[in-house]
């Protein structure tokens, strides 16, 4: 588990670090848009600006959700389809391999996705790493990435912490019981070794 660098396990080498450039918008238009968005979304906890497929977009965060709004038209962006999800995935991907398939996961997510919110796009690449990118159908953001080494690491980690469901509870009862039995075995082994050594000395003295 420690032979491979953790950044490789996380798949950092598969994702581009540079962010797409924003379109140039007049500052007064931006000010007006922010003011308008703040009025129409009074419950918004944050409003940020980013670039989605070359379009400058506002992300309005409200009640745990992020709503993309076109910074030019002021209208909410349409849900991301399969083709757009693939374009986003290719935008994030550092490799040159082709996409095998893209699937919108709405129910029964794979265990490697964890407790992340559905629906979500899964885009698979035809590369040595068996890379899968999970793309948000709302914002087009890269939610997470998975690849062959991560899956092997996850399996070994599951065995290591003995959490066979969520694979993240390092303080579960099964692990506690096995650890306690292991400690008890060590203590009894030390006692038995001490007993055997003393027994041998007694026999030598007796003879």
Protein backbone atom coordinates (compact mmCIF):
# COMPACT_ATOMS: atom_id res chain seq x y z
CA UNK A 1 0.00 0.00 0.00
CA UNK A 2 2.96 2.34 0.40
CA UNK A 3 4.97 1.29 -2.66
CA UNK A 4 3.04 3.58 -5.03
CA UNK A 5 2.90 7.33 -4.37
CA UNK A 6 -0.47 8.38 -2.90
CA UNK A 7 -0.84 11.14 -5.53
CA UNK A 8 -0.78 8.45 -8.22
CA UNK A 9 -3.38 6.47 -6.28
CA UNK A 10 -5.53 9.61 -6.17
CA UNK A 11 -5.16 9.93 -9.95
CA UNK A 12 -3.60 13.41 -9.87
CA UNK A 13 -1.46 12.53 -12.90
CA UNK A 14 -4.61 11.97 -14.95
CA UNK A 15 -6.09 15.44 -14.43
CA UNK A 16 -4.93 18.73 -15.91
CA UNK A 17 -4.07 21.37 -13.35
CA UNK A 18 -4.59 24.42 -15.56
CA UNK A 19 -7.98 26.13 -15.45
CA UNK A 20 -9.75 27.31 -18.61
CA UNK A 21 -9.54 31.02 -19.29
CA UNK A 22 -12.64 33.12 -18.75
CA UNK A 23 -14.25 35.13 -21.48
CA UNK A 24 -13.70 38.87 -21.25
CA UNK A 25 -16.82 40.61 -19.91
CA UNK A 26 -17.26 44.28 -19.14
CA UNK A 27 -16.98 44.99 -15.43
CA UNK A 28 -20.28 46.87 -15.32
CA UNK A 29 -22.05 43.83 -16.81
CA UNK A 30 -20.50 41.61 -14.15
CA UNK A 31 -21.57 43.99 -11.39
CA UNK A 32 -25.11 44.11 -12.72
CA UNK A 33 -25.25 40.34 -13.04
CA UNK A 34 -24.00 39.77 -9.49
CA UNK A 35 -26.55 42.26 -8.15
CA UNK A 36 -29.34 40.63 -10.11
CA UNK A 37 -28.34 37.14 -9.02
CA UNK A 38 -28.14 38.20 -5.38
CA UNK A 39 -31.68 39.62 -5.57
CA UNK A 40 -33.22 36.64 -7.37
CA UNK A 41 -31.37 34.14 -5.13
CA UNK A 42 -31.64 35.57 -1.59
CA UNK A 43 -30.84 32.17 -0.06
CA UNK A 44 -27.58 31.82 -1.98
CA UNK A 45 -24.60 31.16 0.27
CA UNK A 46 -22.05 31.98 -2.45
CA UNK A 47 -21.84 33.11 -6.08
CA UNK A 48 -18.70 32.33 -8.06
CA UNK A 49 -17.63 32.64 -11.68
CA UNK A 50 -16.00 29.97 -13.84
CA UNK A 51 -15.75 28.74 -17.43
CA UNK A 52 -17.76 25.78 -18.68
CA UNK A 53 -16.92 24.62 -22.21
CA UNK A 54 -15.75 28.10 -23.16
CA UNK A 55 -18.74 29.89 -21.66
CA UNK A 56 -18.33 32.20 -18.70
CA UNK A 57 -20.74 30.90 -16.09
CA UNK A 58 -21.92 31.87 -12.64
CA UNK A 59 -22.28 29.13 -10.04
CA UNK A 60 -24.95 29.95 -7.49
CA UNK A 61 -24.63 27.85 -4.34
CA UNK A 62 -27.89 27.42 -2.44
CA UNK A 63 -29.11 24.71 -0.05
CA UNK A 64 -26.14 22.48 -0.84
CA UNK A 65 -26.65 22.68 -4.61
CA UNK A 66 -24.75 24.57 -7.33
CA UNK A 67 -26.80 26.09 -10.13
CA UNK A 68 -24.93 27.17 -13.29
CA UNK A 69 -26.16 30.39 -14.92
CA UNK A 70 -24.87 31.73 -18.24
CA UNK A 71 -23.04 34.98 -17.48
CA UNK A 72 -24.01 36.47 -20.85
CA UNK A 73 -27.72 35.63 -21.05
CA UNK A 74 -28.41 35.35 -17.34
CA UNK A 75 -30.37 32.14 -17.95
CA UNK A 76 -29.80 28.81 -16.16
CA UNK A 77 -27.66 26.45 -18.20
CA UNK A 78 -29.24 23.32 -19.67
CA UNK A 79 -28.51 19.92 -18.06
CA UNK A 80 -25.37 18.31 -19.45
CA UNK A 81 -25.94 15.56 -22.00
CA UNK A 82 -23.64 12.64 -22.87
CA UNK A 83 -21.73 14.55 -25.54
CA UNK A 84 -21.09 17.50 -23.24
CA UNK A 85 -20.04 15.17 -20.42
CA UNK A 86 -17.47 13.61 -22.75
CA UNK A 87 -16.21 17.05 -23.77
CA UNK A 88 -15.76 17.99 -20.13
CA UNK A 89 -13.96 14.70 -19.43
CA UNK A 90 -11.58 15.27 -22.35
CA UNK A 91 -10.98 18.81 -21.11
CA UNK A 92 -9.81 17.47 -17.74
CA UNK A 93 -7.94 14.41 -19.08
CA UNK A 94 -4.15 14.55 -19.47
CA UNK A 95 -3.96 11.54 -21.80
CA UNK A 96 -4.79 11.04 -25.47
CA UNK A 97 -6.82 7.82 -25.28
CA UNK A 98 -10.31 7.62 -26.73
CA UNK A 99 -13.49 7.44 -24.72
CA UNK A 100 -15.04 3.96 -24.59
CA UNK A 101 -18.44 4.94 -23.25
CA UNK A 102 -20.34 7.42 -21.12
CA UNK A 103 -23.20 6.44 -18.81
CA UNK A 104 -25.55 8.54 -16.68
CA UNK A 105 -25.77 6.80 -13.31
CA UNK A 106 -29.11 7.52 -11.66
CA UNK A 107 -29.51 4.49 -9.38
CA UNK A 108 -27.35 1.70 -7.92
CA UNK A 109 -24.02 3.54 -8.05
CA UNK A 110 -20.78 1.51 -7.99
CA UNK A 111 -19.10 1.23 -4.61
CA UNK A 112 -16.11 3.23 -5.86
CA UNK A 113 -18.35 6.30 -6.09
CA UNK A 114 -19.06 6.33 -2.38
CA UNK A 115 -21.89 8.48 -1.06
CA UNK A 116 -21.73 11.11 -3.77
CA UNK A 117 -24.98 12.55 -5.04
CA UNK A 118 -26.75 11.09 -8.05
CA UNK A 119 -27.27 11.43 -10.94
CA UNK A 120 -23.73 11.61 -12.25
CA UNK A 121 -22.00 10.93 -15.55
CA UNK A 122 -19.35 8.22 -15.74
CA UNK A 123 -16.94 8.54 -18.66
CA UNK A 124 -14.55 5.62 -19.31
CA UNK A 125 -11.28 5.98 -21.23
CA UNK A 126 -9.52 3.28 -23.25
CA UNK A 127 -6.15 3.61 -21.54
CA UNK A 128 -3.76 1.41 -19.56
CA UNK A 129 -5.07 2.84 -16.29
CA UNK A 130 -8.72 1.95 -17.06
CA UNK A 131 -9.57 5.51 -16.14
CA UNK A 132 -13.09 6.61 -15.24
CA UNK A 133 -14.07 10.24 -14.77
CA UNK A 134 -17.24 11.13 -12.86
CA UNK A 135 -18.76 14.36 -14.17
CA UNK A 136 -21.48 16.46 -12.55
CA UNK A 137 -24.54 16.63 -14.85
CA UNK A 138 -25.32 20.10 -13.47
CA UNK A 139 -22.01 21.99 -13.51
CA UNK A 140 -19.79 19.75 -15.64
CA UNK A 141 -17.22 19.66 -12.86
CA UNK A 142 -14.99 16.65 -12.28
CA UNK A 143 -16.46 15.13 -9.12
CA UNK A 144 -13.87 12.35 -8.79
CA UNK A 145 -11.70 9.98 -10.83
CA UNK A 146 -10.98 6.29 -10.52
CA UNK A 147 -8.45 3.99 -12.17
CA UNK A 148 -6.99 0.49 -11.87
CA UNK A 149 -4.41 1.25 -9.16
CA UNK A 150 -7.00 3.10 -7.08
CA UNK A 151 -9.32 0.08 -7.30
CA UNK A 152 -6.54 -2.30 -6.20
CA UNK A 153 -5.61 0.06 -3.35
CA UNK A 154 -9.26 0.33 -2.32
CA UNK A 155 -9.58 -3.47 -2.17
CA UNK A 156 -6.42 -3.86 -0.08
CA UNK A 157 -7.53 -0.97 2.16
CA UNK A 158 -10.86 -2.74 2.68
CA UNK A 159 -9.02 -5.86 3.86
CA UNK A 160 -6.69 -3.77 6.01
CA UNK A 161 -9.39 -1.93 7.99
CA UNK A 162 -11.90 -4.80 7.72
CA UNK A 163 -14.77 -2.54 6.65
CA UNK A 164 -16.39 -4.47 3.82
CA UNK A 165 -19.27 -2.07 3.20
CA UNK A 166 -18.28 1.60 3.08
CA UNK A 167 -14.52 0.95 3.35
CA UNK A 168 -13.87 4.01 5.49
CA UNK A 169 -14.62 3.07 9.11
CA UNK A 170 -11.24 2.47 10.73
CA UNK A 171 -12.82 1.95 14.15
CA UNK A 172 -15.39 -0.76 13.44
CA UNK A 173 -16.23 -3.59 15.86
CA UNK A 174 -14.78 -6.36 13.71
CA UNK A 175 -11.41 -4.61 13.61
CA UNK A 176 -11.55 -4.03 17.37
CA UNK A 177 -12.27 -7.71 18.07
CA UNK A 178 -9.49 -8.96 15.75
CA UNK A 179 -7.03 -6.42 17.20
CA UNK A 180 -7.94 -7.47 20.74
CA UNK A 181 -7.52 -11.16 19.91
CA UNK A 182 -4.18 -10.39 18.27
CA UNK A 183 -3.01 -8.50 21.36
CA UNK A 184 -4.18 -11.35 23.58
CA UNK A 185 -2.27 -13.81 21.40
CA UNK A 186 0.91 -11.75 21.75
CA UNK A 187 0.55 -11.53 25.54
CA UNK A 188 -0.08 -15.26 25.92
CA UNK A 189 2.86 -15.97 23.59
CA UNK A 190 5.21 -13.86 25.71
CA UNK A 191 3.92 -15.52 28.88
CA UNK A 192 4.35 -19.00 27.37
CA UNK A 193 7.90 -18.17 26.26
CA UNK A 194 8.74 -16.90 29.75
CA UNK A 195 7.17 -20.02 31.30
CA UNK A 196 9.14 -22.37 29.01
CA UNK A 197 12.45 -20.64 29.73
CA UNK A 198 11.87 -20.79 33.48
CA UNK A 199 10.80 -24.44 33.22
CA UNK A 200 14.04 -25.31 31.43
CA UNK A 201 16.12 -23.57 34.11
CA UNK A 202 14.28 -25.51 36.79
CA UNK A 203 15.00 -28.84 35.07
CA UNK A 204 18.69 -27.94 34.71
CA UNK A 205 18.96 -27.08 38.37
CA UNK A 206 17.12 -30.26 39.34
CA UNK A 207 19.47 -32.40 37.27
